[in-house]
Structure formats: C-alpha cells, structure tokens
N, C-alpha and C. Protein backbone atom coordinates (compact mmCIF):
# COMPACT_ATOMS: atom_id res chain seq x y z
N MET A 1 91.46 151.06 70.39
CA MET A 1 91.98 152.38 70.73
C MET A 1 91.15 153.48 70.03
N ILE A 2 90.96 154.57 70.71
CA ILE A 2 90.22 155.68 70.13
C ILE A 2 91.03 156.31 68.97
N GLY A 3 90.32 156.64 67.94
CA GLY A 3 90.97 157.30 66.80
C GLY A 3 91.55 156.33 65.83
N ARG A 4 91.43 155.02 66.02
CA ARG A 4 91.96 154.04 65.10
C ARG A 4 90.84 153.36 64.40
N PHE A 5 90.04 154.13 63.72
CA PHE A 5 88.91 153.63 62.95
C PHE A 5 89.05 153.94 61.46
N TYR A 6 88.35 153.19 60.68
CA TYR A 6 88.09 153.53 59.29
C TYR A 6 86.65 153.93 59.21
N TYR A 7 86.31 154.76 58.26
CA TYR A 7 84.97 155.30 58.15
C TYR A 7 84.40 155.01 56.74
N THR A 8 83.17 154.57 56.72
CA THR A 8 82.41 154.46 55.55
C THR A 8 81.47 155.64 55.55
N TYR A 9 81.33 156.34 54.41
CA TYR A 9 80.61 157.55 54.45
C TYR A 9 79.76 157.73 53.21
N VAL A 10 78.70 158.57 53.29
CA VAL A 10 77.83 158.89 52.15
C VAL A 10 77.79 160.39 52.04
N LEU A 11 78.05 160.85 50.82
CA LEU A 11 77.92 162.28 50.54
C LEU A 11 76.73 162.46 49.65
N ARG A 12 76.11 163.67 49.74
CA ARG A 12 75.04 163.98 48.79
C ARG A 12 75.46 165.26 48.05
N SER A 13 75.47 165.19 46.74
CA SER A 13 75.82 166.31 45.88
C SER A 13 74.74 167.39 45.94
N LYS A 14 75.15 168.59 46.24
CA LYS A 14 74.18 169.71 46.22
C LYS A 14 73.91 170.10 44.78
N LYS A 15 74.74 169.70 43.87
CA LYS A 15 74.60 170.01 42.44
C LYS A 15 73.53 169.12 41.75
N ASP A 16 73.62 167.79 41.97
CA ASP A 16 72.71 166.88 41.28
C ASP A 16 71.84 166.06 42.25
N GLY A 17 72.06 166.15 43.55
CA GLY A 17 71.28 165.42 44.47
C GLY A 17 71.59 163.95 44.65
N LYS A 18 72.64 163.49 43.89
CA LYS A 18 72.98 162.07 43.95
C LYS A 18 73.97 161.76 45.07
N PHE A 19 74.03 160.53 45.43
CA PHE A 19 74.93 160.10 46.55
C PHE A 19 76.27 159.65 46.00
N TYR A 20 77.24 159.74 46.85
CA TYR A 20 78.56 159.16 46.65
C TYR A 20 78.96 158.43 47.93
N THR A 21 79.34 157.19 47.80
CA THR A 21 79.72 156.39 48.97
C THR A 21 81.23 156.01 48.86
N GLY A 22 81.89 156.13 49.98
CA GLY A 22 83.29 155.77 50.03
C GLY A 22 83.75 155.37 51.40
N TYR A 23 85.06 155.12 51.56
CA TYR A 23 85.60 154.79 52.88
C TYR A 23 86.94 155.44 53.04
N THR A 24 87.39 155.69 54.26
CA THR A 24 88.65 156.43 54.50
C THR A 24 89.07 156.20 55.90
N LYS A 25 90.30 156.49 56.16
CA LYS A 25 90.92 156.46 57.50
C LYS A 25 90.71 157.84 58.18
N ASP A 26 90.68 158.91 57.37
CA ASP A 26 90.57 160.24 57.90
C ASP A 26 89.38 160.95 57.26
N LEU A 27 88.26 160.91 57.95
CA LEU A 27 87.01 161.42 57.41
C LEU A 27 87.07 162.95 57.10
N LYS A 28 87.60 163.68 58.07
CA LYS A 28 87.67 165.16 57.84
C LYS A 28 88.50 165.52 56.62
N LEU A 29 89.63 164.88 56.51
CA LEU A 29 90.50 165.14 55.33
C LEU A 29 89.85 164.75 54.05
N ARG A 30 89.26 163.55 54.05
CA ARG A 30 88.62 163.05 52.84
C ARG A 30 87.48 163.93 52.38
N PHE A 31 86.66 164.39 53.33
CA PHE A 31 85.59 165.30 52.98
C PHE A 31 86.10 166.57 52.39
N LYS A 32 87.16 167.15 52.95
CA LYS A 32 87.79 168.33 52.41
C LYS A 32 88.30 168.11 51.02
N GLN A 33 88.90 166.91 50.78
CA GLN A 33 89.39 166.61 49.44
C GLN A 33 88.24 166.58 48.45
N HIS A 34 87.09 166.03 48.84
CA HIS A 34 85.92 166.05 47.92
C HIS A 34 85.46 167.49 47.67
N GLN A 35 85.35 168.27 48.72
CA GLN A 35 84.90 169.67 48.61
C GLN A 35 85.85 170.48 47.73
N ASP A 36 87.16 170.21 47.84
CA ASP A 36 88.17 171.04 47.13
C ASP A 36 88.36 170.51 45.69
N GLY A 37 87.65 169.50 45.24
CA GLY A 37 87.76 169.04 43.87
C GLY A 37 89.01 168.14 43.65
N LEU A 38 89.56 167.59 44.69
CA LEU A 38 90.76 166.78 44.56
C LEU A 38 90.53 165.31 44.33
N VAL A 39 89.23 164.93 44.27
CA VAL A 39 88.86 163.57 43.99
C VAL A 39 88.27 163.46 42.62
N GLU A 40 88.95 162.80 41.71
CA GLU A 40 88.60 162.78 40.29
C GLU A 40 87.13 162.38 40.10
N SER A 41 86.67 161.38 40.77
CA SER A 41 85.32 160.87 40.50
C SER A 41 84.20 161.80 40.98
N THR A 42 84.51 162.80 41.81
CA THR A 42 83.46 163.62 42.35
C THR A 42 83.62 165.14 42.03
N LYS A 43 84.75 165.53 41.41
CA LYS A 43 85.06 166.91 41.34
C LYS A 43 84.03 167.75 40.51
N GLY A 44 83.34 167.09 39.64
CA GLY A 44 82.32 167.81 38.87
C GLY A 44 80.96 167.87 39.56
N ARG A 45 80.84 167.30 40.71
CA ARG A 45 79.57 167.20 41.46
C ARG A 45 79.52 168.04 42.72
N ARG A 46 80.52 168.81 42.96
CA ARG A 46 80.62 169.65 44.15
C ARG A 46 79.60 170.75 44.12
N PRO A 47 79.23 171.27 45.31
CA PRO A 47 79.61 170.93 46.64
C PRO A 47 78.79 169.74 47.21
N PHE A 48 79.28 169.22 48.32
CA PHE A 48 78.65 168.08 48.99
C PHE A 48 78.20 168.39 50.40
N THR A 49 77.28 167.54 50.88
CA THR A 49 76.90 167.50 52.25
C THR A 49 77.21 166.01 52.75
N LEU A 50 77.88 165.93 53.89
CA LEU A 50 78.10 164.64 54.46
C LEU A 50 76.80 164.23 55.13
N ILE A 51 76.14 163.21 54.65
CA ILE A 51 74.80 162.86 55.24
C ILE A 51 74.83 161.65 56.10
N TYR A 52 75.92 160.83 56.07
CA TYR A 52 75.97 159.64 56.84
C TYR A 52 77.35 159.10 56.91
N TYR A 53 77.70 158.55 58.13
CA TYR A 53 79.00 157.82 58.22
C TYR A 53 78.90 156.82 59.36
N GLU A 54 79.76 155.82 59.21
CA GLU A 54 79.88 154.77 60.20
C GLU A 54 81.36 154.56 60.50
N ALA A 55 81.70 154.26 61.75
CA ALA A 55 83.06 153.90 62.17
C ALA A 55 83.15 152.39 62.13
N CYS A 56 84.28 151.94 61.54
CA CYS A 56 84.58 150.50 61.47
C CYS A 56 85.89 150.24 62.10
N LYS A 57 86.04 149.04 62.70
CA LYS A 57 87.25 148.67 63.41
C LYS A 57 88.43 148.38 62.48
N SER A 58 88.16 147.99 61.23
CA SER A 58 89.25 147.61 60.32
C SER A 58 88.97 148.15 58.90
N ARG A 59 90.02 148.17 58.13
CA ARG A 59 89.88 148.61 56.70
C ARG A 59 88.96 147.64 55.95
N ASP A 60 89.09 146.35 56.18
CA ASP A 60 88.23 145.31 55.55
C ASP A 60 86.79 145.53 55.88
N ASP A 61 86.48 145.81 57.11
CA ASP A 61 85.09 146.03 57.54
C ASP A 61 84.55 147.25 56.80
N ALA A 62 85.31 148.35 56.76
CA ALA A 62 84.87 149.57 56.09
C ALA A 62 84.67 149.33 54.60
N LEU A 63 85.58 148.65 53.97
CA LEU A 63 85.46 148.34 52.56
C LEU A 63 84.27 147.46 52.25
N ASN A 64 84.05 146.43 53.07
CA ASN A 64 82.82 145.62 52.88
C ASN A 64 81.52 146.38 53.08
N ARG A 65 81.55 147.28 54.06
CA ARG A 65 80.36 148.12 54.31
C ARG A 65 80.12 149.07 53.14
N GLU A 66 81.20 149.63 52.60
CA GLU A 66 81.08 150.50 51.42
C GLU A 66 80.44 149.74 50.29
N LYS A 67 80.93 148.53 50.02
CA LYS A 67 80.40 147.74 48.95
C LYS A 67 78.92 147.46 49.15
N TYR A 68 78.54 147.11 50.38
CA TYR A 68 77.13 146.89 50.67
C TYR A 68 76.31 148.16 50.45
N LEU A 69 76.75 149.26 50.91
CA LEU A 69 75.94 150.55 50.74
C LEU A 69 75.84 150.99 49.28
N LYS A 70 76.68 150.49 48.45
CA LYS A 70 76.65 150.83 47.01
C LYS A 70 75.66 149.91 46.26
N ARG A 71 75.25 148.81 46.87
CA ARG A 71 74.32 147.89 46.25
C ARG A 71 72.85 148.32 46.54
N TYR A 72 71.94 147.66 45.88
CA TYR A 72 70.52 148.03 45.97
C TYR A 72 70.01 148.08 47.40
N TYR A 73 70.26 146.99 48.19
CA TYR A 73 69.76 146.96 49.53
C TYR A 73 70.46 147.96 50.44
N GLY A 74 71.70 148.23 50.18
CA GLY A 74 72.42 149.26 50.91
C GLY A 74 71.85 150.65 50.63
N LYS A 75 71.54 150.87 49.38
CA LYS A 75 70.89 152.20 49.06
C LYS A 75 69.55 152.35 49.74
N MET A 76 68.80 151.25 49.75
CA MET A 76 67.50 151.28 50.44
C MET A 76 67.67 151.49 51.94
N TYR A 77 68.71 150.89 52.50
CA TYR A 77 69.01 151.07 53.95
C TYR A 77 69.27 152.57 54.24
N ILE A 78 70.09 153.21 53.43
CA ILE A 78 70.39 154.61 53.62
C ILE A 78 69.11 155.45 53.52
N LYS A 79 68.36 155.20 52.44
CA LYS A 79 67.15 155.98 52.24
C LYS A 79 66.13 155.84 53.36
N LYS A 80 66.01 154.58 53.88
CA LYS A 80 65.14 154.33 55.00
C LYS A 80 65.67 155.00 56.29
N ARG A 81 66.95 154.83 56.51
CA ARG A 81 67.56 155.39 57.74
C ARG A 81 67.49 156.91 57.79
N LEU A 82 67.60 157.51 56.63
CA LEU A 82 67.55 159.00 56.56
C LEU A 82 66.31 159.55 55.97
N LYS A 83 65.22 158.80 56.05
CA LYS A 83 63.98 159.20 55.37
C LYS A 83 63.51 160.60 55.69
N SER A 84 63.42 160.93 56.97
CA SER A 84 62.98 162.29 57.34
C SER A 84 63.95 163.36 56.88
N TYR A 85 65.26 163.07 56.89
CA TYR A 85 66.21 164.05 56.44
C TYR A 85 66.11 164.25 54.95
N LEU A 86 65.96 163.21 54.19
CA LEU A 86 65.98 163.26 52.74
C LEU A 86 64.65 163.82 52.20
N THR A 87 63.56 163.68 52.91
CA THR A 87 62.28 164.22 52.45
C THR A 87 61.99 165.62 52.98
N GLY A 88 62.86 166.09 53.84
CA GLY A 88 62.72 167.46 54.34
C GLY A 88 61.73 167.56 55.43
C-alpha cells in the first residue's frame, strides 16, 4: 500500500558538515524534529539538509539499512552515490 513505508535517511549538518543516519515511519515529521532541536543526539548540530533517503517495506528492512549505512562500506556507498552533490 502507498504510504506504508519506513524510511532510512541521511542528514548533513550545515554546522559541522558531518552526516547523521536514521530511520523513521514519518520522514517529514522526523526531519522537522531534527531541525527544531527535539532530537537529543542532533540538537547541537543544527541546521540540517536532508541529502538522501530510501523507502523500505518494513521496519526491519529500514533498521538493517540504517545499520549498513552507518558502517564503513555504507558510508562509502553514500559518498560515491552523492559524489557530485558532496563535491559541489
């Protein structure tokens, strides 16, 4: 069904340039929570740009994808995938 997805996402801090990877059921709401400083782990790194996201069929898929993207090869995947964006 449409709208029944979980999302794995990557944010880039405009403050320090570092990435934050997470997953959520409601991407728009979660991004707003990050921007508004309502997420403890990112509130000191605001503001953010949403640079990447994927839709997943289940929570488990999204969680597994988040874990992968946080590892070395996942970080390399994001950097390669967004090479032209990240280098300007």
